[in-house]
């Protein structure tokens, strides 16, 4: 695939959070989206700190509800990468339930920065 075509493809990546200790498991695409070295250790509290204040609050609210209700959610979040770049992503999450208790959250993160910026410019 040529470079221009690659730039048009959004980063689409999978993630999982073990609710017993909040440990994260990411595919390479999540590291790329957050601008972090692939395979580097990540702590949930450090990653959540990269979210804008509004996105962080929305994540907290949706996550708590999904865990309590063994449900799912989708939302768009704004993050600031370590290099200072702002990115938008669409986060989906579902819950793995064992014996009636939420054990894991898992889902996808899709880079939608161009979509969000394009919509703002067109408006």
PDB file of N, CA and C in Angstrom:
ATOM      1  N   UNK A   1       0.847  -1.178   0.000  1.00  0.00           N
ATOM      2  CA  UNK A   1       0.000   0.000   0.000  1.00  0.00           C
ATOM      3  C   UNK A   1       0.892   1.240   0.000  1.00  0.00           C
ATOM      4  N   UNK A   2       0.530   2.227  -0.805  1.00  0.00           N
ATOM      5  CA  UNK A   2       1.357   3.431  -0.874  1.00  0.00           C
ATOM      6  C   UNK A   2       1.108   4.346   0.329  1.00  0.00           C
ATOM      7  N   UNK A   3       2.012   5.271   0.547  1.00  0.00           N
ATOM      8  CA  UNK A   3       1.954   6.152   1.728  1.00  0.00           C
ATOM      9  C   UNK A   3       0.668   6.977   1.782  1.00  0.00           C
ATOM     10  N   UNK A   4       0.189   7.591   0.653  1.00  0.00           N
ATOM     11  CA  UNK A   4      -1.056   8.367   0.755  1.00  0.00           C
ATOM     12  C   UNK A   4      -2.244   7.511   1.192  1.00  0.00           C
ATOM     13  N   UNK A   5      -2.326   6.283   0.696  1.00  0.00           N
ATOM     14  CA  UNK A   5      -3.437   5.409   1.088  1.00  0.00           C
ATOM     15  C   UNK A   5      -3.341   5.061   2.563  1.00  0.00           C
ATOM     16  N   UNK A   6      -2.146   4.837   3.067  1.00  0.00           N
ATOM     17  CA  UNK A   6      -1.976   4.526   4.478  1.00  0.00           C
ATOM     18  C   UNK A   6      -2.418   5.698   5.350  1.00  0.00           C
ATOM     19  N   UNK A   7      -2.142   6.925   4.930  1.00  0.00           N
ATOM     20  CA  UNK A   7      -2.549   8.087   5.720  1.00  0.00           C
ATOM     21  C   UNK A   7      -4.064   8.200   5.822  1.00  0.00           C
ATOM     22  N   UNK A   8      -4.793   7.686   4.830  1.00  0.00           N
ATOM     23  CA  UNK A   8      -6.245   7.784   4.831  1.00  0.00           C
ATOM     24  C   UNK A   8      -6.907   6.723   5.696  1.00  0.00           C
ATOM     25  N   UNK A   9      -6.165   5.662   6.040  1.00  0.00           N
ATOM     26  CA  UNK A   9      -6.735   4.586   6.834  1.00  0.00           C
ATOM     27  C   UNK A   9      -6.637   4.930   8.320  1.00  0.00           C
ATOM     28  N   UNK A  10      -7.769   4.920   9.025  1.00  0.00           N
ATOM     29  CA  UNK A  10      -7.704   5.225  10.454  1.00  0.00           C
ATOM     30  C   UNK A  10      -7.049   4.082  11.224  1.00  0.00           C
ATOM     31  N   UNK A  11      -6.397   4.446  12.321  1.00  0.00           N
ATOM     32  CA  UNK A  11      -5.877   3.420  13.210  1.00  0.00           C
ATOM     33  C   UNK A  11      -7.068   2.796  13.915  1.00  0.00           C
ATOM     34  N   UNK A  12      -7.149   1.486  13.845  1.00  0.00           N
ATOM     35  CA  UNK A  12      -8.248   0.738  14.451  1.00  0.00           C
ATOM     36  C   UNK A  12      -7.588  -0.345  15.285  1.00  0.00           C
ATOM     37  N   UNK A  13      -7.801  -0.302  16.573  1.00  0.00           N
ATOM     38  CA  UNK A  13      -7.036  -1.172  17.441  1.00  0.00           C
ATOM     39  C   UNK A  13      -7.888  -1.734  18.564  1.00  0.00           C
ATOM     40  N   UNK A  14      -7.433  -2.862  19.116  1.00  0.00           N
ATOM     41  CA  UNK A  14      -8.182  -3.509  20.186  1.00  0.00           C
ATOM     42  C   UNK A  14      -7.465  -3.367  21.522  1.00  0.00           C
ATOM     43  N   UNK A  15      -8.261  -3.420  22.583  1.00  0.00           N
ATOM     44  CA  UNK A  15      -7.734  -3.270  23.928  1.00  0.00           C
ATOM     45  C   UNK A  15      -8.549  -4.115  24.893  1.00  0.00           C
ATOM     46  N   UNK A  16      -7.957  -4.361  26.068  1.00  0.00           N
ATOM     47  CA  UNK A  16      -8.647  -5.074  27.141  1.00  0.00           C
ATOM     48  C   UNK A  16      -8.161  -4.537  28.476  1.00  0.00           C
ATOM     49  N   UNK A  17      -9.053  -4.468  29.444  1.00  0.00           N
ATOM     50  CA  UNK A  17      -8.715  -4.056  30.807  1.00  0.00           C
ATOM     51  C   UNK A  17      -9.218  -5.123  31.774  1.00  0.00           C
ATOM     52  N   UNK A  18      -8.304  -5.700  32.542  1.00  0.00           N
ATOM     53  CA  UNK A  18      -8.644  -6.670  33.588  1.00  0.00           C
ATOM     54  C   UNK A  18      -9.136  -5.865  34.789  1.00  0.00           C
ATOM     55  N   UNK A  19     -10.398  -6.023  35.139  1.00  0.00           N
ATOM     56  CA  UNK A  19     -10.994  -5.210  36.199  1.00  0.00           C
ATOM     57  C   UNK A  19     -10.499  -5.589  37.593  1.00  0.00           C
ATOM     58  N   UNK A  20      -9.816  -6.724  37.736  1.00  0.00           N
ATOM     59  CA  UNK A  20      -9.297  -7.103  39.055  1.00  0.00           C
ATOM     60  C   UNK A  20      -8.130  -6.216  39.475  1.00  0.00           C
ATOM     61  N   UNK A  21      -7.387  -5.698  38.488  1.00  0.00           N
ATOM     62  CA  UNK A  21      -6.217  -4.862  38.824  1.00  0.00           C
ATOM     63  C   UNK A  21      -6.028  -3.684  37.874  1.00  0.00           C
ATOM     64  N   UNK A  22      -6.991  -3.461  36.956  1.00  0.00           N
ATOM     65  CA  UNK A  22      -6.939  -2.388  35.954  1.00  0.00           C
ATOM     66  C   UNK A  22      -5.755  -2.514  34.988  1.00  0.00           C
ATOM     67  N   UNK A  23      -5.180  -3.713  34.858  1.00  0.00           N
ATOM     68  CA  UNK A  23      -4.081  -3.894  33.906  1.00  0.00           C
ATOM     69  C   UNK A  23      -4.625  -3.864  32.483  1.00  0.00           C
ATOM     70  N   UNK A  24      -3.833  -3.290  31.576  1.00  0.00           N
ATOM     71  CA  UNK A  24      -4.232  -3.104  30.182  1.00  0.00           C
ATOM     72  C   UNK A  24      -3.469  -4.033  29.263  1.00  0.00           C
ATOM     73  N   UNK A  25      -4.168  -4.534  28.254  1.00  0.00           N
ATOM     74  CA  UNK A  25      -3.559  -5.289  27.169  1.00  0.00           C
ATOM     75  C   UNK A  25      -3.977  -4.586  25.889  1.00  0.00           C
ATOM     76  N   UNK A  26      -2.981  -4.201  25.084  1.00  0.00           N
ATOM     77  CA  UNK A  26      -3.246  -3.428  23.864  1.00  0.00           C
ATOM     78  C   UNK A  26      -2.679  -4.119  22.634  1.00  0.00           C
ATOM     79  N   UNK A  27      -3.369  -3.930  21.502  1.00  0.00           N
ATOM     80  CA  UNK A  27      -2.774  -4.280  20.210  1.00  0.00           C
ATOM     81  C   UNK A  27      -1.835  -3.138  19.812  1.00  0.00           C
ATOM     82  N   UNK A  28      -0.993  -3.378  18.820  1.00  0.00           N
ATOM     83  CA  UNK A  28      -0.032  -2.358  18.389  1.00  0.00           C
ATOM     84  C   UNK A  28      -0.704  -1.050  17.996  1.00  0.00           C
ATOM     85  N   UNK A  29      -1.893  -1.137  17.412  1.00  0.00           N
ATOM     86  CA  UNK A  29      -2.581   0.063  16.964  1.00  0.00           C
ATOM     87  C   UNK A  29      -2.934   1.022  18.089  1.00  0.00           C
ATOM     88  N   UNK A  30      -3.180   0.521  19.294  1.00  0.00           N
ATOM     89  CA  UNK A  30      -3.485   1.410  20.414  1.00  0.00           C
ATOM     90  C   UNK A  30      -2.228   2.176  20.806  1.00  0.00           C
ATOM     91  N   UNK A  31      -1.092   1.481  20.842  1.00  0.00           N
ATOM     92  CA  UNK A  31       0.170   2.183  21.121  1.00  0.00           C
ATOM     93  C   UNK A  31       0.392   3.287  20.092  1.00  0.00           C
ATOM     94  N   UNK A  32       0.145   2.962  18.812  1.00  0.00           N
ATOM     95  CA  UNK A  32       0.333   3.950  17.742  1.00  0.00           C
ATOM     96  C   UNK A  32      -0.597   5.147  17.930  1.00  0.00           C
ATOM     97  N   UNK A  33      -1.842   4.894  18.261  1.00  0.00           N
ATOM     98  CA  UNK A  33      -2.813   5.968  18.451  1.00  0.00           C
ATOM     99  C   UNK A  33      -2.391   6.904  19.579  1.00  0.00           C
ATOM    100  N   UNK A  34      -1.889   6.340  20.666  1.00  0.00           N
ATOM    101  CA  UNK A  34      -1.469   7.144  21.815  1.00  0.00           C
ATOM    102  C   UNK A  34      -0.044   7.682  21.666  1.00  0.00           C
ATOM    103  N   UNK A  35       0.647   7.314  20.576  1.00  0.00           N
ATOM    104  CA  UNK A  35       2.000   7.809  20.350  1.00  0.00           C
ATOM    105  C   UNK A  35       3.019   7.219  21.314  1.00  0.00           C
ATOM    106  N   UNK A  36       2.790   5.975  21.719  1.00  0.00           N
ATOM    107  CA  UNK A  36       3.685   5.304  22.656  1.00  0.00           C
ATOM    108  C   UNK A  36       4.424   4.161  21.966  1.00  0.00           C
ATOM    109  N   UNK A  37       5.567   3.811  22.491  1.00  0.00           N
ATOM    110  CA  UNK A  37       6.356   2.714  21.936  1.00  0.00           C
ATOM    111  C   UNK A  37       5.584   1.407  22.092  1.00  0.00           C
ATOM    112  N   UNK A  38       5.485   0.672  20.995  1.00  0.00           N
ATOM    113  CA  UNK A  38       4.774  -0.608  21.025  1.00  0.00           C
ATOM    114  C   UNK A  38       5.380  -1.538  22.066  1.00  0.00           C
ATOM    115  N   UNK A  39       4.518  -2.136  22.870  1.00  0.00           N
ATOM    116  CA  UNK A  39       4.945  -3.085  23.879  1.00  0.00           C
ATOM    117  C   UNK A  39       5.404  -2.466  25.188  1.00  0.00           C
ATOM    118  N   UNK A  40       5.508  -1.143  25.239  1.00  0.00           N
ATOM    119  CA  UNK A  40       5.934  -0.484  26.484  1.00  0.00           C
ATOM    120  C   UNK A  40       4.888  -0.738  27.572  1.00  0.00           C
ATOM    121  N   UNK A  41       5.324  -0.868  28.821  1.00  0.00           N
ATOM    122  CA  UNK A  41       4.343  -1.038  29.895  1.00  0.00           C
ATOM    123  C   UNK A  41       3.455   0.201  30.006  1.00  0.00           C
ATOM    124  N   UNK A  42       2.169  -0.025  30.198  1.00  0.00           N
ATOM    125  CA  UNK A  42       1.227   1.089  30.354  1.00  0.00           C
ATOM    126  C   UNK A  42       0.410   0.875  31.615  1.00  0.00           C
ATOM    127  N   UNK A  43       0.186   1.983  32.324  1.00  0.00           N
ATOM    128  CA  UNK A  43      -0.665   1.956  33.516  1.00  0.00           C
ATOM    129  C   UNK A  43      -1.918   2.754  33.205  1.00  0.00           C
ATOM    130  N   UNK A  44      -3.050   2.223  33.593  1.00  0.00           N
ATOM    131  CA  UNK A  44      -4.323   2.869  33.268  1.00  0.00           C
ATOM    132  C   UNK A  44      -4.354   4.323  33.740  1.00  0.00           C
ATOM    133  N   UNK A  45      -3.858   4.601  34.941  1.00  0.00           N
ATOM    134  CA  UNK A  45      -3.921   5.975  35.452  1.00  0.00           C
ATOM    135  C   UNK A  45      -3.111   6.935  34.587  1.00  0.00           C
ATOM    136  N   UNK A  46      -1.989   6.472  34.031  1.00  0.00           N
ATOM    137  CA  UNK A  46      -1.184   7.326  33.146  1.00  0.00           C
ATOM    138  C   UNK A  46      -1.897   7.568  31.820  1.00  0.00           C
ATOM    139  N   UNK A  47      -2.565   6.545  31.321  1.00  0.00           N
ATOM    140  CA  UNK A  47      -3.277   6.670  30.048  1.00  0.00           C
ATOM    141  C   UNK A  47      -4.492   7.577  30.207  1.00  0.00           C
ATOM    142  N   UNK A  48      -5.254   7.397  31.263  1.00  0.00           N
ATOM    143  CA  UNK A  48      -6.430   8.239  31.498  1.00  0.00           C
ATOM    144  C   UNK A  48      -6.019   9.706  31.631  1.00  0.00           C
ATOM    145  N   UNK A  49      -4.853   9.961  32.172  1.00  0.00           N
ATOM    146  CA  UNK A  49      -4.359  11.337  32.309  1.00  0.00           C
ATOM    147  C   UNK A  49      -4.124  11.990  30.946  1.00  0.00           C
ATOM    148  N   UNK A  50      -3.991  11.208  29.881  1.00  0.00           N
ATOM    149  CA  UNK A  50      -3.797  11.750  28.532  1.00  0.00           C
ATOM    150  C   UNK A  50      -5.117  12.244  27.921  1.00  0.00           C
ATOM    151  N   UNK A  51      -6.241  11.852  28.497  1.00  0.00           N
ATOM    152  CA  UNK A  51      -7.553  12.280  28.012  1.00  0.00           C
ATOM    153  C   UNK A  51      -7.793  13.728  28.426  1.00  0.00           C
ATOM    154  N   UNK A  52      -8.528  14.473  27.604  1.00  0.00           N
ATOM    155  CA  UNK A  52      -8.938  15.822  28.012  1.00  0.00           C
ATOM    156  C   UNK A  52      -9.834  15.688  29.243  1.00  0.00           C
ATOM    157  N   UNK A  53      -9.988  16.752  29.990  1.00  0.00           N
ATOM    158  CA  UNK A  53     -10.821  16.715  31.202  1.00  0.00           C
ATOM    159  C   UNK A  53     -12.242  16.256  30.891  1.00  0.00           C
ATOM    160  N   UNK A  54     -12.828  16.769  29.805  1.00  0.00           N
ATOM    161  CA  UNK A  54     -14.195  16.396  29.436  1.00  0.00           C
ATOM    162  C   UNK A  54     -14.278  14.923  29.065  1.00  0.00           C
ATOM    163  N   UNK A  55     -13.316  14.447  28.280  1.00  0.00           N
ATOM    164  CA  UNK A  55     -13.313  13.042  27.871  1.00  0.00           C
ATOM    165  C   UNK A  55     -13.057  12.127  29.058  1.00  0.00           C
ATOM    166  N   UNK A  56     -12.202  12.557  29.953  1.00  0.00           N
ATOM    167  CA  UNK A  56     -11.893  11.766  31.157  1.00  0.00           C
ATOM    168  C   UNK A  56     -13.164  11.581  32.008  1.00  0.00           C
ATOM    169  N   UNK A  57     -13.932  12.649  32.177  1.00  0.00           N
ATOM    170  CA  UNK A  57     -15.170  12.571  32.954  1.00  0.00           C
ATOM    171  C   UNK A  57     -16.199  11.679  32.253  1.00  0.00           C
ATOM    172  N   UNK A  58     -16.318  11.819  30.946  1.00  0.00           N
ATOM    173  CA  UNK A  58     -17.254  10.977  30.186  1.00  0.00           C
ATOM    174  C   UNK A  58     -16.837   9.509  30.281  1.00  0.00           C
ATOM    175  N   UNK A  59     -15.560   9.231  30.170  1.00  0.00           N
ATOM    176  CA  UNK A  59     -15.053   7.865  30.314  1.00  0.00           C
ATOM    177  C   UNK A  59     -15.403   7.313  31.696  1.00  0.00           C
ATOM    178  N   UNK A  60     -15.162   8.092  32.729  1.00  0.00           N
ATOM    179  CA  UNK A  60     -15.467   7.646  34.090  1.00  0.00           C
ATOM    180  C   UNK A  60     -16.939   7.266  34.228  1.00  0.00           C
ATOM    181  N   UNK A  61     -17.813   8.144  33.758  1.00  0.00           N
ATOM    182  CA  UNK A  61     -19.259   7.919  33.876  1.00  0.00           C
ATOM    183  C   UNK A  61     -19.705   6.675  33.096  1.00  0.00           C
ATOM    184  N   UNK A  62     -19.264   6.581  31.846  1.00  0.00           N
ATOM    185  CA  UNK A  62     -19.673   5.451  30.999  1.00  0.00           C
ATOM    186  C   UNK A  62     -19.093   4.134  31.498  1.00  0.00           C
ATOM    187  N   UNK A  63     -17.846   4.167  31.932  1.00  0.00           N
ATOM    188  CA  UNK A  63     -17.170   2.955  32.416  1.00  0.00           C
ATOM    189  C   UNK A  63     -17.854   2.439  33.674  1.00  0.00           C
ATOM    190  N   UNK A  64     -18.122   3.325  34.620  1.00  0.00           N
ATOM    191  CA  UNK A  64     -18.798   2.916  35.855  1.00  0.00           C
ATOM    192  C   UNK A  64     -20.166   2.301  35.554  1.00  0.00           C
ATOM    193  N   UNK A  65     -20.900   2.909  34.638  1.00  0.00           N
ATOM    194  CA  UNK A  65     -22.215   2.385  34.271  1.00  0.00           C
ATOM    195  C   UNK A  65     -22.127   1.022  33.599  1.00  0.00           C
ATOM    196  N   UNK A  66     -21.181   0.854  32.697  1.00  0.00           N
ATOM    197  CA  UNK A  66     -21.025  -0.425  31.997  1.00  0.00           C
ATOM    198  C   UNK A  66     -20.644  -1.531  32.976  1.00  0.00           C
ATOM    199  N   UNK A  67     -19.753  -1.240  33.903  1.00  0.00           N
ATOM    200  CA  UNK A  67     -19.339  -2.241  34.890  1.00  0.00           C
ATOM    201  C   UNK A  67     -20.516  -2.598  35.802  1.00  0.00           C
ATOM    202  N   UNK A  68     -21.229  -1.608  36.285  1.00  0.00           N
ATOM    203  CA  UNK A  68     -22.352  -1.850  37.206  1.00  0.00           C
ATOM    204  C   UNK A  68     -23.479  -2.624  36.532  1.00  0.00           C
ATOM    205  N   UNK A  69     -23.734  -2.312  35.256  1.00  0.00           N
ATOM    206  CA  UNK A  69     -24.861  -2.915  34.542  1.00  0.00           C
ATOM    207  C   UNK A  69     -24.447  -4.041  33.616  1.00  0.00           C
ATOM    208  N   UNK A  70     -23.143  -4.366  33.594  1.00  0.00           N
ATOM    209  CA  UNK A  70     -22.602  -5.370  32.660  1.00  0.00           C
ATOM    210  C   UNK A  70     -23.037  -5.034  31.242  1.00  0.00           C
ATOM    211  N   UNK A  71     -22.848  -3.770  30.880  1.00  0.00           N
ATOM    212  CA  UNK A  71     -23.290  -3.268  29.586  1.00  0.00           C
ATOM    213  C   UNK A  71     -22.143  -2.901  28.670  1.00  0.00           C
ATOM    214  N   UNK A  72     -22.380  -1.955  27.808  1.00  0.00           N
ATOM    215  CA  UNK A  72     -21.383  -1.520  26.832  1.00  0.00           C
ATOM    216  C   UNK A  72     -21.528  -0.027  26.604  1.00  0.00           C
ATOM    217  N   UNK A  73     -20.552   0.547  25.894  1.00  0.00           N
ATOM    218  CA  UNK A  73     -20.643   1.963  25.548  1.00  0.00           C
ATOM    219  C   UNK A  73     -19.764   2.273  24.353  1.00  0.00           C
ATOM    220  N   UNK A  74     -20.064   3.407  23.737  1.00  0.00           N
ATOM    221  CA  UNK A  74     -19.263   3.979  22.659  1.00  0.00           C
ATOM    222  C   UNK A  74     -19.229   5.479  22.890  1.00  0.00           C
ATOM    223  N   UNK A  75     -18.057   6.087  22.728  1.00  0.00           N
ATOM    224  CA  UNK A  75     -17.977   7.540  22.807  1.00  0.00           C
ATOM    225  C   UNK A  75     -16.726   8.019  22.089  1.00  0.00           C
ATOM    226  N   UNK A  76     -16.687   9.311  21.818  1.00  0.00           N
ATOM    227  CA  UNK A  76     -15.532   9.920  21.168  1.00  0.00           C
ATOM    228  C   UNK A  76     -14.750  10.698  22.206  1.00  0.00           C
ATOM    229  N   UNK A  77     -13.450  10.417  22.255  1.00  0.00           N
ATOM    230  CA  UNK A  77     -12.586  11.010  23.274  1.00  0.00           C
ATOM    231  C   UNK A  77     -11.450  11.774  22.618  1.00  0.00           C
ATOM    232  N   UNK A  78     -11.040  12.844  23.293  1.00  0.00           N
ATOM    233  CA  UNK A  78      -9.899  13.651  22.857  1.00  0.00           C
ATOM    234  C   UNK A  78      -8.730  13.359  23.785  1.00  0.00           C
ATOM    235  N   UNK A  79      -7.568  13.075  23.178  1.00  0.00           N
ATOM    236  CA  UNK A  79      -6.367  12.811  23.966  1.00  0.00           C
ATOM    237  C   UNK A  79      -5.235  13.717  23.505  1.00  0.00           C
ATOM    238  N   UNK A  80      -4.267  13.905  24.387  1.00  0.00           N
ATOM    239  CA  UNK A  80      -3.034  14.608  24.031  1.00  0.00           C
ATOM    240  C   UNK A  80      -1.907  13.606  24.176  1.00  0.00           C
ATOM    241  N   UNK A  81      -1.239  13.342  23.044  1.00  0.00           N
ATOM    242  CA  UNK A  81      -0.129  12.391  23.032  1.00  0.00           C
ATOM    243  C   UNK A  81       1.106  13.006  23.687  1.00  0.00           C
ATOM    244  N   UNK A  82       2.083  12.177  24.057  1.00  0.00           N
ATOM    245  CA  UNK A  82       3.301  12.706  24.680  1.00  0.00           C
ATOM    246  C   UNK A  82       4.027  13.756  23.837  1.00  0.00           C
ATOM    247  N   UNK A  83       3.876  13.686  22.499  1.00  0.00           N
ATOM    248  CA  UNK A  83       4.516  14.681  21.637  1.00  0.00           C
ATOM    249  C   UNK A  83       3.707  15.975  21.543  1.00  0.00           C
ATOM    250  N   UNK A  84       2.583  16.053  22.289  1.00  0.00           N
ATOM    251  CA  UNK A  84       1.751  17.249  22.303  1.00  0.00           C
ATOM    252  C   UNK A  84       0.619  17.239  21.295  1.00  0.00           C
ATOM    253  N   UNK A  85       0.626  16.303  20.382  1.00  0.00           N
ATOM    254  CA  UNK A  85      -0.395  16.239  19.338  1.00  0.00           C
ATOM    255  C   UNK A  85      -1.746  15.836  19.925  1.00  0.00           C
ATOM    256  N   UNK A  86      -2.803  16.537  19.508  1.00  0.00           N
ATOM    257  CA  UNK A  86      -4.169  16.187  19.898  1.00  0.00           C
ATOM    258  C   UNK A  86      -4.722  15.187  18.910  1.00  0.00           C
ATOM    259  N   UNK A  87      -5.391  14.165  19.411  1.00  0.00           N
ATOM    260  CA  UNK A  87      -6.025  13.152  18.570  1.00  0.00           C
ATOM    261  C   UNK A  87      -7.420  12.893  19.123  1.00  0.00           C
ATOM    262  N   UNK A  88      -8.325  12.516  18.238  1.00  0.00           N
ATOM    263  CA  UNK A  88      -9.672  12.091  18.601  1.00  0.00           C
ATOM    264  C   UNK A  88      -9.798  10.608  18.292  1.00  0.00           C
ATOM    265  N   UNK A  89     -10.458   9.875  19.174  1.00  0.00           N
ATOM    266  CA  UNK A  89     -10.686   8.456  18.919  1.00  0.00           C
ATOM    267  C   UNK A  89     -12.108   8.084  19.309  1.00  0.00           C
ATOM    268  N   UNK A  90     -12.631   7.095  18.604  1.00  0.00           N
ATOM    269  CA  UNK A  90     -13.935   6.516  18.947  1.00  0.00           C
ATOM    270  C   UNK A  90     -13.641   5.249  19.738  1.00  0.00           C
ATOM    271  N   UNK A  91     -14.115   5.221  20.969  1.00  0.00           N
ATOM    272  CA  UNK A  91     -13.866   4.107  21.876  1.00  0.00           C
ATOM    273  C   UNK A  91     -15.144   3.265  21.984  1.00  0.00           C
ATOM    274  N   UNK A  92     -15.004   1.960  21.777  1.00  0.00           N
ATOM    275  CA  UNK A  92     -16.104   1.046  22.050  1.00  0.00           C
ATOM    276  C   UNK A  92     -15.675   0.135  23.187  1.00  0.00           C
ATOM    277  N   UNK A  93     -16.621  -0.247  24.026  1.00  0.00           N
ATOM    278  CA  UNK A  93     -16.315  -1.124  25.150  1.00  0.00           C
ATOM    279  C   UNK A  93     -17.485  -2.050  25.433  1.00  0.00           C
ATOM    280  N   UNK A  94     -17.154  -3.292  25.733  1.00  0.00           N
ATOM    281  CA  UNK A  94     -18.108  -4.293  26.188  1.00  0.00           C
ATOM    282  C   UNK A  94     -17.526  -4.934  27.436  1.00  0.00           C
ATOM    283  N   UNK A  95     -18.377  -5.639  28.164  1.00  0.00           N
ATOM    284  CA  UNK A  95     -17.976  -6.252  29.421  1.00  0.00           C
ATOM    285  C   UNK A  95     -18.019  -7.778  29.289  1.00  0.00           C
ATOM    286  N   UNK A  96     -16.977  -8.431  29.798  1.00  0.00           N
ATOM    287  CA  UNK A  96     -16.994  -9.886  29.955  1.00  0.00           C
ATOM    288  C   UNK A  96     -17.492 -10.150  31.369  1.00  0.00           C
ATOM    289  N   UNK A  97     -18.543 -10.958  31.457  1.00  0.00           N
ATOM    290  CA  UNK A  97     -19.159 -11.259  32.743  1.00  0.00           C
ATOM    291  C   UNK A  97     -18.897 -12.722  33.086  1.00  0.00           C
ATOM    292  N   UNK A  98     -18.444 -12.964  34.317  1.00  0.00           N
ATOM    293  CA  UNK A  98     -18.253 -14.321  34.825  1.00  0.00           C
ATOM    294  C   UNK A  98     -18.998 -14.427  36.144  1.00  0.00           C
ATOM    295  N   UNK A  99     -19.893 -15.422  36.243  1.00  0.00           N
ATOM    296  CA  UNK A  99     -20.675 -15.625  37.461  1.00  0.00           C
ATOM    297  C   UNK A  99     -21.422 -14.358  37.879  1.00  0.00           C
ATOM    298  N   UNK A 100     -21.937 -13.626  36.898  1.00  0.00           N
ATOM    299  CA  UNK A 100     -22.724 -12.433  37.162  1.00  0.00           C
ATOM    300  C   UNK A 100     -21.933 -11.194  37.536  1.00  0.00           C
ATOM    301  N   UNK A 101     -20.595 -11.274  37.441  1.00  0.00           N
ATOM    302  CA  UNK A 101     -19.734 -10.155  37.825  1.00  0.00           C
ATOM    303  C   UNK A 101     -18.908  -9.710  36.623  1.00  0.00           C
ATOM    304  N   UNK A 102     -18.798  -8.396  36.433  1.00  0.00           N
ATOM    305  CA  UNK A 102     -17.962  -7.854  35.356  1.00  0.00           C
ATOM    306  C   UNK A 102     -16.501  -8.163  35.674  1.00  0.00           C
ATOM    307  N   UNK A 103     -15.803  -8.824  34.743  1.00  0.00           N
ATOM    308  CA  UNK A 103     -14.399  -9.204  34.967  1.00  0.00           C
ATOM    309  C   UNK A 103     -13.429  -8.439  34.063  1.00  0.00           C
ATOM    310  N   UNK A 104     -13.849  -8.158  32.838  1.00  0.00           N
ATOM    311  CA  UNK A 104     -12.991  -7.479  31.875  1.00  0.00           C
ATOM    312  C   UNK A 104     -13.815  -6.472  31.093  1.00  0.00           C
ATOM    313  N   UNK A 105     -13.181  -5.402  30.676  1.00  0.00           N
ATOM    314  CA  UNK A 105     -13.696  -4.521  29.640  1.00  0.00           C
ATOM    315  C   UNK A 105     -12.827  -4.771  28.423  1.00  0.00           C
ATOM    316  N   UNK A 106     -13.413  -4.740  27.245  1.00  0.00           N
ATOM    317  CA  UNK A 106     -12.635  -4.892  26.016  1.00  0.00           C
ATOM    318  C   UNK A 106     -13.326  -4.130  24.904  1.00  0.00           C
ATOM    319  N   UNK A 107     -12.564  -3.811  23.869  1.00  0.00           N
ATOM    320  CA  UNK A 107     -13.181  -3.114  22.751  1.00  0.00           C
ATOM    321  C   UNK A 107     -12.179  -2.643  21.739  1.00  0.00           C
ATOM    322  N   UNK A 108     -12.550  -1.545  21.069  1.00  0.00           N
ATOM    323  CA  UNK A 108     -11.700  -0.982  20.019  1.00  0.00           C
ATOM    324  C   UNK A 108     -11.509   0.505  20.251  1.00  0.00           C
ATOM    325  N   UNK A 109     -10.456   1.010  19.664  1.00  0.00           N
ATOM    326  CA  UNK A 109     -10.194   2.448  19.625  1.00  0.00           C
ATOM    327  C   UNK A 109      -9.868   2.763  18.166  1.00  0.00           C
ATOM    328  N   UNK A 110     -10.619   3.682  17.590  1.00  0.00           N
ATOM    329  CA  UNK A 110     -10.444   4.049  16.186  1.00  0.00           C
ATOM    330  C   UNK A 110     -10.079   5.526  16.121  1.00  0.00           C
ATOM    331  N   UNK A 111      -9.002   5.836  15.425  1.00  0.00           N
ATOM    332  CA  UNK A 111      -8.581   7.227  15.249  1.00  0.00           C
ATOM    333  C   UNK A 111      -9.567   7.908  14.305  1.00  0.00           C
ATOM    334  N   UNK A 112     -10.292   8.892  14.821  1.00  0.00           N
ATOM    335  CA  UNK A 112     -11.270   9.629  14.020  1.00  0.00           C
ATOM    336  C   UNK A 112     -10.913  11.117  13.955  1.00  0.00           C
ATOM    337  N   UNK A 113      -9.646  11.427  14.157  1.00  0.00           N
ATOM    338  CA  UNK A 113      -9.196  12.821  14.169  1.00  0.00           C
ATOM    339  C   UNK A 113      -9.582  13.532  12.877  1.00  0.00           C
ATOM    340  N   UNK A 114      -9.273  12.946  11.739  1.00  0.00           N
ATOM    341  CA  UNK A 114      -9.581  13.592  10.457  1.00  0.00           C
ATOM    342  C   UNK A 114     -11.081  13.804  10.274  1.00  0.00           C
ATOM    343  N   UNK A 115     -11.871  12.846  10.727  1.00  0.00           N
ATOM    344  CA  UNK A 115     -13.335  12.942  10.645  1.00  0.00           C
ATOM    345  C   UNK A 115     -13.848  14.112  11.504  1.00  0.00           C
ATOM    346  N   UNK A 116     -13.351  14.227  12.730  1.00  0.00           N
ATOM    347  CA  UNK A 116     -13.790  15.284  13.644  1.00  0.00           C
ATOM    348  C   UNK A 116     -13.341  16.647  13.138  1.00  0.00           C
ATOM    349  N   UNK A 117     -12.069  16.751  12.746  1.00  0.00           N
ATOM    350  CA  UNK A 117     -11.544  18.024  12.263  1.00  0.00           C
ATOM    351  C   UNK A 117     -12.227  18.433  10.972  1.00  0.00           C
ATOM    352  N   UNK A 118     -12.459  17.471  10.086  1.00  0.00           N
ATOM    353  CA  UNK A 118     -13.145  17.755   8.824  1.00  0.00           C
ATOM    354  C   UNK A 118     -14.549  18.270   9.038  1.00  0.00           C
ATOM    355  N   UNK A 119     -15.271  17.689   9.997  1.00  0.00           N
ATOM    356  CA  UNK A 119     -16.634  18.131  10.307  1.00  0.00           C
ATOM    357  C   UNK A 119     -16.623  19.539  10.886  1.00  0.00           C
ATOM    358  N   UNK A 120     -15.630  19.836  11.719  1.00  0.00           N
ATOM    359  CA  UNK A 120     -15.542  21.169  12.321  1.00  0.00           C
ATOM    360  C   UNK A 120     -15.229  22.225  11.271  1.00  0.00           C
ATOM    361  N   UNK A 121     -14.370  21.890  10.311  1.00  0.00           N
ATOM    362  CA  UNK A 121     -14.010  22.837   9.255  1.00  0.00           C
ATOM    363  C   UNK A 121     -15.195  23.084   8.331  1.00  0.00           C
ATOM    364  N   UNK A 122     -15.977  22.031   8.054  1.00  0.00           N
ATOM    365  CA  UNK A 122     -17.119  22.151   7.158  1.00  0.00           C
ATOM    366  C   UNK A 122     -18.264  22.942   7.792  1.00  0.00           C
ATOM    367  N   UNK A 123     -18.321  22.979   9.096  1.00  0.00           N
ATOM    368  CA  UNK A 123     -19.455  23.631   9.782  1.00  0.00           C
ATOM    369  C   UNK A 123     -19.380  25.132   9.729  1.00  0.00           C
TER     370      UNK A 123
END
